[in-house]
C-alpha atoms as a PDB file:
ATOM      1  CA  MET A   1      49.041  51.612 -15.550  1.00  0.00           C
ATOM      2  CA  ALA A   2      50.467  50.537 -11.974  1.00  0.00           C
ATOM      3  CA  THR A   3      48.227  48.680  -9.988  1.00  0.00           C
ATOM      4  CA  GLU A   4      47.880  49.674  -6.562  1.00  0.00           C
ATOM      5  CA  LYS A   5      48.730  46.953  -3.412  1.00  0.00           C
ATOM      6  CA  ASN A   6      44.889  46.255  -2.631  1.00  0.00           C
ATOM      7  CA  GLU A   7      44.281  45.227  -6.067  1.00  0.00           C
ATOM      8  CA  ILE A   8      43.795  42.638  -8.075  1.00  0.00           C
ATOM      9  CA  VAL A   9      44.914  41.957 -11.976  1.00  0.00           C
ATOM     10  CA  THR A  10      43.087  38.509 -13.609  1.00  0.00           C
ATOM     11  CA  LYS A  11      45.085  36.767 -15.581  1.00  0.00           C
ATOM     12  CA  ASP A  12      43.065  36.836 -18.654  1.00  0.00           C
ATOM     13  CA  LYS A  13      41.747  40.235 -18.651  1.00  0.00           C
ATOM     14  CA  THR A  14      43.129  43.835 -17.593  1.00  0.00           C
ATOM     15  CA  ASP A  15      40.141  44.609 -15.379  1.00  0.00           C
ATOM     16  CA  ILE A  16      41.523  46.071 -11.823  1.00  0.00           C
ATOM     17  CA  ALA A  17      39.178  44.403  -8.850  1.00  0.00           C
ATOM     18  CA  ASN A  18      39.639  45.456  -5.191  1.00  0.00           C
ATOM     19  CA  VAL A  19      40.141  42.802  -2.722  1.00  0.00           C
ATOM     20  CA  ASP A  20      37.591  44.109  -0.608  1.00  0.00           C
ATOM     21  CA  MET A  21      34.825  43.657  -3.068  1.00  0.00           C
ATOM     22  CA  ALA A  22      36.409  40.326  -4.291  1.00  0.00           C
ATOM     23  CA  GLN A  23      35.796  38.763  -1.035  1.00  0.00           C
ATOM     24  CA  ALA A  24      32.130  37.804  -1.901  1.00  0.00           C
ATOM     25  CA  ASP A  25      33.548  35.852  -5.034  1.00  0.00           C
ATOM     26  CA  ILE A  26      36.495  34.142  -2.740  1.00  0.00           C
ATOM     27  CA  ARG A  27      33.812  33.073  -0.338  1.00  0.00           C
ATOM     28  CA  SER A  28      31.856  30.751  -3.516  1.00  0.00           C
ATOM     29  CA  LEU A  29      35.507  29.026  -3.500  1.00  0.00           C
ATOM     30  CA  ILE A  30      36.301  28.006  -0.151  1.00  0.00           C
ATOM     31  CA  TYR A  31      34.566  24.303   0.260  1.00  0.00           C
ATOM     32  CA  VAL A  32      34.266  22.124   3.304  1.00  0.00           C
ATOM     33  CA  VAL A  33      36.223  18.494   2.834  1.00  0.00           C
ATOM     34  CA  ARG A  34      37.350  16.630   5.806  1.00  0.00           C
ATOM     35  CA  GLY A  35      35.530  19.140   8.023  1.00  0.00           C
ATOM     36  CA  GLN A  36      37.911  21.968   7.276  1.00  0.00           C
ATOM     37  CA  ARG A  37      37.631  24.586   5.310  1.00  0.00           C
ATOM     38  CA  VAL A  38      39.457  24.363   1.969  1.00  0.00           C
ATOM     39  CA  MET A  39      40.150  26.002  -1.570  1.00  0.00           C
ATOM     40  CA  LEU A  40      41.606  24.071  -4.330  1.00  0.00           C
ATOM     41  CA  ASP A  41      44.904  24.374  -5.803  1.00  0.00           C
ATOM     42  CA  SER A  42      43.488  25.467  -9.474  1.00  0.00           C
ATOM     43  CA  ASP A  43      41.024  28.501  -7.601  1.00  0.00           C
ATOM     44  CA  LEU A  44      44.556  29.690  -5.960  1.00  0.00           C
ATOM     45  CA  ALA A  45      46.814  29.658  -9.070  1.00  0.00           C
ATOM     46  CA  MET A  46      43.617  31.867 -10.412  1.00  0.00           C
ATOM     47  CA  LEU A  47      43.866  33.575  -7.581  1.00  0.00           C
ATOM     48  CA  TYR A  48      47.653  34.476  -7.730  1.00  0.00           C
ATOM     49  CA  GLN A  49      47.838  34.465 -11.607  1.00  0.00           C
ATOM     50  CA  VAL A  50      50.240  31.562 -11.826  1.00  0.00           C
ATOM     51  CA  GLU A  51      49.512  27.897 -13.563  1.00  0.00           C
ATOM     52  CA  THR A  52      48.267  25.476 -11.265  1.00  0.00           C
ATOM     53  CA  LYS A  53      51.505  23.159 -11.618  1.00  0.00           C
ATOM     54  CA  ALA A  54      53.974  26.057 -11.111  1.00  0.00           C
ATOM     55  CA  LEU A  55      51.892  26.674  -7.900  1.00  0.00           C
ATOM     56  CA  ASN A  56      52.445  23.333  -6.751  1.00  0.00           C
ATOM     57  CA  ARG A  57      55.978  23.241  -7.987  1.00  0.00           C
ATOM     58  CA  SER A  58      56.783  26.035  -5.509  1.00  0.00           C
ATOM     59  CA  VAL A  59      55.124  24.028  -2.385  1.00  0.00           C
ATOM     60  CA  LYS A  60      56.973  20.977  -3.487  1.00  0.00           C
ATOM     61  CA  ARG A  61      60.045  23.010  -2.945  1.00  0.00           C
ATOM     62  CA  ASN A  62      58.940  23.748   0.190  1.00  0.00           C
ATOM     63  CA  ILE A  63      57.057  21.208   1.053  1.00  0.00           C
ATOM     64  CA  ASN A  64      58.124  21.294   4.831  1.00  0.00           C
ATOM     65  CA  ARG A  65      56.323  24.519   5.329  1.00  0.00           C
ATOM     66  CA  PHE A  66      53.210  22.135   4.437  1.00  0.00           C
ATOM     67  CA  PRO A  67      52.231  19.645   6.835  1.00  0.00           C
ATOM     68  CA  GLU A  68      48.858  17.811   6.238  1.00  0.00           C
ATOM     69  CA  ASP A  69      46.535  20.104   8.296  1.00  0.00           C
ATOM     70  CA  PHE A  70      48.333  22.926   6.004  1.00  0.00           C
ATOM     71  CA  MET A  71      47.566  21.153   2.787  1.00  0.00           C
ATOM     72  CA  PHE A  72      46.348  17.694   1.672  1.00  0.00           C
ATOM     73  CA  GLN A  73      45.438  15.601  -1.709  1.00  0.00           C
ATOM     74  CA  LEU A  74      41.935  15.007  -2.567  1.00  0.00           C
ATOM     75  CA  SER A  75      41.026  11.399  -2.705  1.00  0.00           C
ATOM     76  CA  GLU A  76      39.204  10.281  -6.146  1.00  0.00           C
ATOM     77  CA  ASP A  77      35.662   9.550  -3.923  1.00  0.00           C
ATOM     78  CA  GLU A  78      36.199  13.342  -3.037  1.00  0.00           C
ATOM     79  CA  TYR A  79      37.408  14.764  -6.140  1.00  0.00           C
ATOM     80  CA  GLN A  80      34.310  13.581  -7.758  1.00  0.00           C
ATOM     81  CA  VAL A  81      31.835  14.918  -5.005  1.00  0.00           C
ATOM     82  CA  LEU A  82      33.314  18.634  -6.154  1.00  0.00           C
ATOM     83  CA  ARG A  83      33.118  17.843  -9.320  1.00  0.00           C
ATOM     84  CA  CYS A  84      29.722  16.829  -9.296  1.00  0.00           C
ATOM     85  CA  GLN A  85      29.050  19.959  -7.242  1.00  0.00           C
ATOM     86  CA  PHE A  86      29.796  22.473  -9.737  1.00  0.00           C
ATOM     87  CA  GLY A  87      30.992  20.454 -13.267  1.00  0.00           C
ATOM     88  CA  THR A  88      33.934  19.499 -14.282  1.00  0.00           C
ATOM     89  CA  SER A  89      35.482  22.554 -16.376  1.00  0.00           C
ATOM     90  CA  LYS A  90      36.079  24.666 -13.182  1.00  0.00           C
ATOM     91  CA  MET A  91      37.922  21.488 -11.190  1.00  0.00           C
ATOM     92  CA  ASP A  92      40.686  21.146 -14.270  1.00  0.00           C
ATOM     93  CA  ALA A  93      42.801  23.984 -14.811  1.00  0.00           C
ATOM     94  CA  GLU A  94      44.054  24.237 -18.444  1.00  0.00           C
ATOM     95  CA  ASN A  95      47.392  23.003 -17.641  1.00  0.00           C
ATOM     96  CA  ASN A  96      46.641  20.274 -15.786  1.00  0.00           C
ATOM     97  CA  THR A  97      44.490  18.548 -17.936  1.00  0.00           C
ATOM     98  CA  ASP A  98      45.196  15.057 -20.004  1.00  0.00           C
ATOM     99  CA  GLY A  99      43.817  16.323 -23.324  1.00  0.00           C
ATOM    100  CA  ARG A 100      40.540  14.482 -22.308  1.00  0.00           C
ATOM    101  CA  GLY A 101      39.024  16.672 -20.260  1.00  0.00           C
ATOM    102  CA  GLY A 102      40.533  15.353 -16.747  1.00  0.00           C
ATOM    103  CA  ARG A 103      43.095  16.140 -14.716  1.00  0.00           C
ATOM    104  CA  ARG A 104      46.658  13.972 -14.554  1.00  0.00           C
ATOM    105  CA  TYR A 105      46.515  13.705 -11.132  1.00  0.00           C
ATOM    106  CA  LEU A 106      44.466  14.556  -8.374  1.00  0.00           C
ATOM    107  CA  PRO A 107      44.014  18.321  -7.064  1.00  0.00           C
ATOM    108  CA  TYR A 108      45.753  19.474  -3.694  1.00  0.00           C
ATOM    109  CA  VAL A 109      43.443  21.602  -1.296  1.00  0.00           C
ATOM    110  CA  PHE A 110      44.871  24.303   1.246  1.00  0.00           C
ATOM    111  CA  THR A 111      43.853  25.240   4.606  1.00  0.00           C
ATOM    112  CA  GLU A 112      43.466  28.633   6.218  1.00  0.00           C
ATOM    113  CA  GLN A 113      46.920  28.207   7.212  1.00  0.00           C
ATOM    114  CA  GLY A 114      48.361  26.689   3.949  1.00  0.00           C
ATOM    115  CA  ILE A 115      46.983  29.408   2.181  1.00  0.00           C
ATOM    116  CA  SER A 116      48.903  31.871   4.380  1.00  0.00           C
ATOM    117  CA  MET A 117      52.059  29.997   4.020  1.00  0.00           C
ATOM    118  CA  LEU A 118      51.712  30.086   0.224  1.00  0.00           C
ATOM    119  CA  ALA A 119      52.152  33.816   0.198  1.00  0.00           C
ATOM    120  CA  SER A 120      55.434  33.182   1.554  1.00  0.00           C
ATOM    121  CA  VAL A 121      56.769  30.619  -0.896  1.00  0.00           C
ATOM    122  CA  LEU A 122      55.258  32.288  -4.208  1.00  0.00           C
ATOM    123  CA  HIS A 123      57.296  35.493  -3.945  1.00  0.00           C
ATOM    124  CA  SER A 124      54.686  37.690  -5.339  1.00  0.00           C
ATOM    125  CA  GLU A 125      52.975  41.270  -4.267  1.00  0.00           C
ATOM    126  CA  VAL A 126      49.726  40.022  -6.310  1.00  0.00           C
ATOM    127  CA  ALA A 127      49.980  36.593  -4.233  1.00  0.00           C
ATOM    128  CA  VAL A 128      50.555  38.895  -0.552  1.00  0.00           C
ATOM    129  CA  ASN A 129      47.251  41.110  -1.561  1.00  0.00           C
ATOM    130  CA  VAL A 130      45.381  38.161  -2.682  1.00  0.00           C
ATOM    131  CA  SER A 131      46.084  36.228   0.485  1.00  0.00           C
ATOM    132  CA  ILE A 132      45.182  39.448   2.565  1.00  0.00           C
ATOM    133  CA  GLY A 133      41.405  38.958   0.465  1.00  0.00           C
ATOM    134  CA  ILE A 134      41.349  35.130   1.293  1.00  0.00           C
ATOM    135  CA  MET A 135      42.478  35.493   5.050  1.00  0.00           C
ATOM    136  CA  ARG A 136      39.513  37.975   5.318  1.00  0.00           C
ATOM    137  CA  ALA A 137      37.076  35.894   3.776  1.00  0.00           C
ATOM    138  CA  PHE A 138      37.461  33.210   5.996  1.00  0.00           C
ATOM    139  CA  VAL A 139      37.497  35.518   9.157  1.00  0.00           C
ATOM    140  CA  GLU A 140      33.886  36.775   7.829  1.00  0.00           C
ATOM    141  CA  MET A 141      32.606  32.980   7.582  1.00  0.00           C
ATOM    142  CA  ARG A 142      34.188  32.071  11.040  1.00  0.00           C
ATOM    143  CA  ARG A 143      32.361  35.484  11.994  1.00  0.00           C
ATOM    144  CA  PHE A 144      29.202  34.592  10.353  1.00  0.00           C
ATOM    145  CA  VAL A 145      29.357  31.000  11.704  1.00  0.00           C
ATOM    146  CA  ALA A 146      29.672  32.448  15.444  1.00  0.00           C
ATOM    147  CA  ASN A 147      27.113  34.902  15.245  1.00  0.00           C
ATOM    148  CA  ASN A 148      24.567  32.453  14.179  1.00  0.00           C
ATOM    149  CA  ALA A 149      25.362  29.363  16.162  1.00  0.00           C
ATOM    150  CA  MET A 150      22.333  29.648  17.985  1.00  0.00           C
ATOM    151  CA  MET A 151      20.270  29.581  14.738  1.00  0.00           C
ATOM    152  CA  PHE A 152      22.505  26.064  13.634  1.00  0.00           C
ATOM    153  CA  GLU A 153      21.729  24.928  16.956  1.00  0.00           C
ATOM    154  CA  ARG A 154      18.415  25.262  16.699  1.00  0.00           C
ATOM    155  CA  ILE A 155      18.408  23.760  12.929  1.00  0.00           C
ATOM    156  CA  SER A 156      20.018  20.697  14.148  1.00  0.00           C
ATOM    157  CA  THR A 157      17.847  20.206  17.312  1.00  0.00           C
ATOM    158  CA  VAL A 158      14.776  20.178  14.887  1.00  0.00           C
ATOM    159  CA  GLU A 159      16.543  17.987  12.411  1.00  0.00           C
ATOM    160  CA  LEU A 160      16.868  15.751  15.205  1.00  0.00           C
ATOM    161  CA  ARG A 161      13.928  15.891  16.289  1.00  0.00           C
ATOM    162  CA  GLN A 162      12.547  14.948  12.619  1.00  0.00           C
ATOM    163  CA  LEU A 163      14.725  12.133  12.418  1.00  0.00           C
ATOM    164  CA  GLN A 164      13.240  11.082  15.839  1.00  0.00           C
ATOM    165  CA  TYR A 165       9.615  11.402  14.434  1.00  0.00           C
ATOM    166  CA  GLN A 166      10.457   9.693  11.289  1.00  0.00           C
ATOM    167  CA  GLU A 167      12.002   6.725  13.220  1.00  0.00           C
ATOM    168  CA  GLN A 168       8.820   6.916  15.478  1.00  0.00           C
ATOM    169  CA  THR A 169       6.711   6.870  12.935  1.00  0.00           C
ATOM    170  CA  ASP A 170       8.090   3.803  10.734  1.00  0.00           C
ATOM    171  CA  ALA A 171       7.968   1.726  13.807  1.00  0.00           C
ATOM    172  CA  LYS A 172       4.399   2.549  14.448  1.00  0.00           C
ATOM    173  CA  LEU A 173       3.390   1.736  10.522  1.00  0.00           C
ATOM    174  CA  GLU A 174       5.784  -1.293  10.723  1.00  0.00           C
ATOM    175  CA  GLN A 175       3.383  -2.687  13.990  1.00  0.00           C
ATOM    176  CA  ILE A 176       0.670  -1.723  11.847  1.00  0.00           C
ATOM    177  CA  PHE A 177       1.522  -3.615   8.878  1.00  0.00           C
ATOM    178  CA  ASP A 178       2.077  -6.556  11.546  1.00  0.00           C
ATOM    179  CA  TYR A 179      -1.233  -6.428  12.858  1.00  0.00           C
ATOM    180  CA  ILE A 180      -2.688  -6.342   9.442  1.00  0.00           C
ATOM    181  CA  SER A 181      -0.489  -9.726   8.199  1.00  0.00           C
ATOM    182  CA  GLU A 182      -1.231 -11.343  11.023  1.00  0.00           C
ATOM    183  CA  HIS A 183      -5.068 -10.484  11.681  1.00  0.00           C
ATOM    184  CA  GLU A 184      -6.068 -11.080   7.626  1.00  0.00           C
ATOM    185  CA  GLU A 185      -9.930 -11.024   7.092  1.00  0.00           C
ATOM    186  CA  SER A 186     -11.741 -14.025   8.549  1.00  0.00           C
ATOM    187  CA  ALA A 187     -13.712 -16.681   6.318  1.00  0.00           C
ATOM    188  CA  GLN A 188     -16.632 -16.806   9.004  1.00  0.00           C
ATOM    189  CA  LYS A 189     -17.772 -14.817  11.735  1.00  0.00           C
ATOM    190  CA  VAL A 190     -20.551 -15.344  13.843  1.00  0.00           C
ATOM    191  CA  PHE A 191     -22.775 -12.953  15.740  1.00  0.00           C
ATOM    192  CA  PHE A 192     -25.372 -13.601  18.686  1.00  0.00           C
ATOM    193  CA  ASP A 193     -28.454 -11.896  19.645  1.00  0.00           C
ATOM    194  CA  GLY A 194     -27.880  -8.459  21.161  1.00  0.00           C
ATOM    195  CA  GLN A 195     -24.440  -7.162  18.522  1.00  0.00           C
ATOM    196  CA  ILE A 196     -26.705  -5.265  16.328  1.00  0.00           C
ATOM    197  CA  TYR A 197     -23.738  -2.448  16.458  1.00  0.00           C
ATOM    198  CA  ASP A 198     -21.201  -4.941  15.963  1.00  0.00           C
ATOM    199  CA  ALA A 199     -23.333  -6.651  12.942  1.00  0.00           C
ATOM    200  CA  PHE A 200     -24.260  -3.371  11.205  1.00  0.00           C
ATOM    201  CA  SER A 201     -20.613  -2.001  11.670  1.00  0.00           C
ATOM    202  CA  LEU A 202     -19.455  -5.114   9.726  1.00  0.00           C
ATOM    203  CA  LEU A 203     -21.924  -5.273   6.964  1.00  0.00           C
ATOM    204  CA  ILE A 204     -21.161  -1.198   6.140  1.00  0.00           C
ATOM    205  CA  SER A 205     -17.428  -2.457   5.908  1.00  0.00           C
ATOM    206  CA  LEU A 206     -18.474  -5.044   3.764  1.00  0.00           C
ATOM    207  CA  ILE A 207     -20.657  -3.169   1.206  1.00  0.00           C
ATOM    208  CA  GLN A 208     -17.983  -0.090   1.256  1.00  0.00           C
ATOM    209  CA  LYS A 209     -15.316  -2.673  -0.389  1.00  0.00           C
ATOM    210  CA  ALA A 210     -17.311  -2.405  -3.482  1.00  0.00           C
ATOM    211  CA  SER A 211     -15.992  -0.271  -6.109  1.00  0.00           C
ATOM    212  CA  LYS A 212     -18.512  -0.765  -9.061  1.00  0.00           C
ATOM    213  CA  GLU A 213     -21.200  -2.931  -7.973  1.00  0.00           C
ATOM    214  CA  ILE A 214     -23.239  -4.337  -5.066  1.00  0.00           C
ATOM    215  CA  THR A 215     -25.680  -7.634  -5.639  1.00  0.00           C
ATOM    216  CA  LEU A 216     -27.870  -8.060  -2.857  1.00  0.00           C
ATOM    217  CA  ILE A 217     -29.990 -11.637  -2.650  1.00  0.00           C
ATOM    218  CA  ASP A 218     -32.250 -11.296   0.674  1.00  0.00           C
ATOM    219  CA  GLY A 219     -35.749 -11.945   0.377  1.00  0.00           C
ATOM    220  CA  TYR A 220     -37.082  -9.495   3.074  1.00  0.00           C
ATOM    221  CA  VAL A 221     -35.553  -6.294   2.222  1.00  0.00           C
ATOM    222  CA  ASP A 222     -37.085  -2.855   3.552  1.00  0.00           C
ATOM    223  CA  VAL A 223     -35.851   0.553   4.306  1.00  0.00           C
ATOM    224  CA  ASP A 224     -33.528  -0.629   7.056  1.00  0.00           C
ATOM    225  CA  THR A 225     -31.653  -2.357   4.249  1.00  0.00           C
ATOM    226  CA  LEU A 226     -31.370   1.075   2.407  1.00  0.00           C
ATOM    227  CA  ASN A 227     -30.260   2.567   5.478  1.00  0.00           C
ATOM    228  CA  LEU A 228     -27.004   0.220   5.199  1.00  0.00           C
ATOM    229  CA  LEU A 229     -26.589   0.501   1.281  1.00  0.00           C
ATOM    230  CA  CYS A 230     -26.311   4.448   1.018  1.00  0.00           C
ATOM    231  CA  LYS A 231     -23.271   3.863   3.104  1.00  0.00           C
ATOM    232  CA  LYS A 232     -21.664   2.617  -0.163  1.00  0.00           C
ATOM    233  CA  ASN A 233     -18.964   4.366  -2.245  1.00  0.00           C
ATOM    234  CA  GLU A 234     -20.214   7.053  -4.587  1.00  0.00           C
ATOM    235  CA  GLY A 235     -20.890   5.584  -8.073  1.00  0.00           C
ATOM    236  CA  VAL A 236     -21.162   2.246  -6.967  1.00  0.00           C
ATOM    237  CA  SER A 237     -24.773   0.954  -8.484  1.00  0.00           C
ATOM    238  CA  VAL A 238     -26.779  -1.952  -6.456  1.00  0.00           C
ATOM    239  CA  SER A 239     -28.999  -4.595  -7.630  1.00  0.00           C
ATOM    240  CA  ILE A 240     -31.331  -6.066  -4.825  1.00  0.00           C
ATOM    241  CA  TYR A 241     -32.891  -9.395  -5.846  1.00  0.00           C
ATOM    242  CA  THR A 242     -35.928 -10.019  -3.213  1.00  0.00           C
ATOM    243  CA  HIS A 243     -39.373 -11.689  -2.875  1.00  0.00           C
ATOM    244  CA  GLU A 244     -42.118 -10.020  -4.784  1.00  0.00           C
ATOM    245  CA  LYS A 245     -43.987  -9.099  -1.535  1.00  0.00           C
ATOM    246  CA  THR A 246     -40.984  -7.106  -0.521  1.00  0.00           C
ATOM    247  CA  ARG A 247     -41.621  -4.386   1.981  1.00  0.00           C
ATOM    248  CA  LEU A 248     -40.003  -1.975  -0.098  1.00  0.00           C
ATOM    249  CA  SER A 249     -42.075   0.135  -2.216  1.00  0.00           C
ATOM    250  CA  ASP A 250     -41.635   2.543  -5.201  1.00  0.00           C
ATOM    251  CA  THR A 251     -41.609   5.357  -3.408  1.00  0.00           C
ATOM    252  CA  ASP A 252     -38.646   4.187  -0.997  1.00  0.00           C
ATOM    253  CA  ILE A 253     -36.465   3.083  -4.813  1.00  0.00           C
ATOM    254  CA  LYS A 254     -37.042   6.785  -5.889  1.00  0.00           C
ATOM    255  CA  THR A 255     -36.291   8.356  -2.942  1.00  0.00           C
ATOM    256  CA  PHE A 256     -33.023   6.158  -2.487  1.00  0.00           C
ATOM    257  CA  ASN A 257     -31.940   6.821  -6.343  1.00  0.00           C
ATOM    258  CA  ALA A 258     -32.554  10.601  -5.717  1.00  0.00           C
ATOM    259  CA  GLN A 259     -29.822  10.809  -3.139  1.00  0.00           C
ATOM    260  CA  TYR A 260     -27.636   7.064  -3.837  1.00  0.00           C
ATOM    261  CA  PRO A 261     -28.243   6.565  -7.504  1.00  0.00           C
ATOM    262  CA  SER A 262     -28.563   3.633  -8.863  1.00  0.00           C
ATOM    263  CA  LEU A 263     -30.772   0.517  -7.350  1.00  0.00           C
ATOM    264  CA  ARG A 264     -32.689  -1.540  -9.508  1.00  0.00           C
ATOM    265  CA  VAL A 265     -35.027  -4.082  -7.307  1.00  0.00           C
ATOM    266  CA  LYS A 266     -35.971  -7.187  -9.074  1.00  0.00           C
ATOM    267  CA  TYR A 267     -37.444 -10.456  -7.759  1.00  0.00           C
ATOM    268  CA  THR A 268     -36.845 -13.965  -7.326  1.00  0.00           C
ATOM    269  CA  LYS A 269     -38.283 -16.876  -5.742  1.00  0.00           C
ATOM    270  CA  VAL A 270     -35.568 -19.443  -5.947  1.00  0.00           C
ATOM    271  CA  PHE A 271     -33.164 -18.436  -3.474  1.00  0.00           C
ATOM    272  CA  HIS A 272     -33.719 -18.903   0.234  1.00  0.00           C
ATOM    273  CA  ASP A 273     -30.345 -18.091   1.327  1.00  0.00           C
ATOM    274  CA  ARG A 274     -28.589 -14.429   1.474  1.00  0.00           C
ATOM    275  CA  PHE A 275     -26.001 -13.626  -0.505  1.00  0.00           C
ATOM    276  CA  LEU A 276     -24.025 -10.414  -0.836  1.00  0.00           C
ATOM    277  CA  ILE A 277     -21.435 -10.054  -3.851  1.00  0.00           C
ATOM    278  CA  LEU A 278     -19.463  -7.318  -4.197  1.00  0.00           C
ATOM    279  CA  ASP A 279     -18.292  -6.048  -7.967  1.00  0.00           C
ATOM    280  CA  GLY A 280     -19.073  -9.627  -9.321  1.00  0.00           C
ATOM    281  CA  LYS A 281     -16.265 -11.620  -7.825  1.00  0.00           C
ATOM    282  CA  THR A 282     -16.320 -11.207  -3.858  1.00  0.00           C
ATOM    283  CA  ALA A 283     -19.576 -12.930  -2.297  1.00  0.00           C
ATOM    284  CA  TYR A 284     -20.621 -13.488   1.252  1.00  0.00           C
ATOM    285  CA  HIS A 285     -23.391 -15.622   2.473  1.00  0.00           C
ATOM    286  CA  ILE A 286     -25.351 -14.002   5.279  1.00  0.00           C
ATOM    287  CA  GLY A 287     -27.213 -16.263   7.473  1.00  0.00           C
ATOM    288  CA  ALA A 288     -30.019 -13.778   8.488  1.00  0.00           C
ATOM    289  CA  SER A 289     -31.509 -10.519   6.511  1.00  0.00           C
ATOM    290  CA  LEU A 290     -29.353  -7.749   6.615  1.00  0.00           C
ATOM    291  CA  LYS A 291     -32.298  -5.696   8.400  1.00  0.00           C
ATOM    292  CA  ASP A 292     -32.284  -8.363  11.252  1.00  0.00           C
ATOM    293  CA  ALA A 293     -28.417  -8.167  11.444  1.00  0.00           C
ATOM    294  CA  GLY A 294     -27.829  -8.660  15.312  1.00  0.00           C
ATOM    295  CA  LYS A 295     -31.268  -9.321  16.123  1.00  0.00           C
ATOM    296  CA  LYS A 296     -30.591 -13.057  16.522  1.00  0.00           C
ATOM    297  CA  CYS A 297     -27.979 -15.115  16.002  1.00  0.00           C
ATOM    298  CA  PHE A 298     -26.409 -15.405  12.464  1.00  0.00           C
ATOM    299  CA  ALA A 299     -23.497 -16.256  10.677  1.00  0.00           C
ATOM    300  CA  ILE A 300     -21.879 -14.949   7.527  1.00  0.00           C
ATOM    301  CA  ASN A 301     -19.229 -16.451   5.558  1.00  0.00           C
ATOM    302  CA  LEU A 302     -17.043 -15.570   2.805  1.00  0.00           C
ATOM    303  CA  LEU A 303     -17.181 -18.035  -0.450  1.00  0.00           C
ATOM    304  CA  GLN A 304     -13.858 -19.001  -1.338  1.00  0.00           C
ATOM    305  CA  ASP A 305     -15.105 -20.776  -4.428  1.00  0.00           C
ATOM    306  CA  ASP A 306     -15.133 -18.530  -7.583  1.00  0.00           C
ATOM    307  CA  GLY A 307     -17.183 -21.233  -9.494  1.00  0.00           C
ATOM    308  CA  VAL A 308     -20.206 -20.971  -7.005  1.00  0.00           C
ATOM    309  CA  ILE A 309     -19.912 -17.023  -7.148  1.00  0.00           C
ATOM    310  CA  ARG A 310     -20.679 -17.310 -10.758  1.00  0.00           C
ATOM    311  CA  ASP A 311     -23.511 -19.718 -10.588  1.00  0.00           C
ATOM    312  CA  ILE A 312     -25.003 -17.671  -8.339  1.00  0.00           C
ATOM    313  CA  LEU A 313     -25.034 -14.998 -11.025  1.00  0.00           C
ATOM    314  CA  GLN A 314     -25.767 -17.222 -13.547  1.00  0.00           C
ATOM    315  CA  ARG A 315     -28.753 -18.095 -11.602  1.00  0.00           C
ATOM    316  CA  LEU A 316     -30.250 -14.915 -11.236  1.00  0.00           C
ATOM    317  CA  GLN A 317     -29.680 -14.217 -14.952  1.00  0.00           C
ATOM    318  CA  LEU A 318     -31.942 -17.184 -15.720  1.00  0.00           C
ATOM    319  CA  GLU A 319     -34.514 -17.382 -12.849  1.00  0.00           C
ATOM    320  CA  THR A 320     -35.466 -13.442 -12.150  1.00  0.00           C
ATOM    321  CA  GLU A 321     -38.597 -11.491 -12.874  1.00  0.00           C
ATOM    322  CA  GLU A 322     -38.600  -7.581 -13.224  1.00  0.00           C
END
């Protein structure tokens, strides 16, 4: 059966595809390289129903018709980028492989002007008809870009704003990290009378550092002490070592445990100073009972000797009584 002028016959099949219907497939073969829309020599050879090497031979015989803005050869990097986009098999035409799955030379690509010129050097009716479909595909792509220029501009603007926001965020985070590195936790802190809010804020921040357990050694505790300890993280247990004549009642302890489990109160007379120990490894020496923080001048010191902390915990085990 004879084919009509506006039809393409594929190389391996007898199916006939209308040029207009094939434009969607043609658009999928158009790539952007060096800022230009181009098509690969192997894809063009497939459409024109010739071997890739035959297409390139025709071009070389008429090389004066194909300046660099009509045709150019891909670099190795450009070739690898395209191969990664859609796999290797499509890039390696069967007549241009070296027997190991790769081409013997880097492929050539043709711009819209070069594709138009191809039809004149191939001297085939198929090439003319296919070129018509390709030109229409290029025109349609340009029309789409033109009609959506405003949308692309908005997208670019949004991306620019995102980049600017990211840069600003990175700069702010860098400032925060610099501040943290320059303002490491002080080993000592002094509060003067009247600094009740500051003192309580610091004590709460210390209490919230514990992830497992809090040990408080304080001879004088009451409900105000529990009001500080209730700010602990969920699941953190509390052990208070205090004088037997504490103002903390059994009802106070049960009420606390009902909301913020778990609290244990033990009694000892051997400690004069106050200590706050977090997770059994970080300890603070506190110059006043927690309930009186900020009412008079007092200091908080971070104990930096691990041996001292171990000694305190061992003494608690030996000297305390229920």
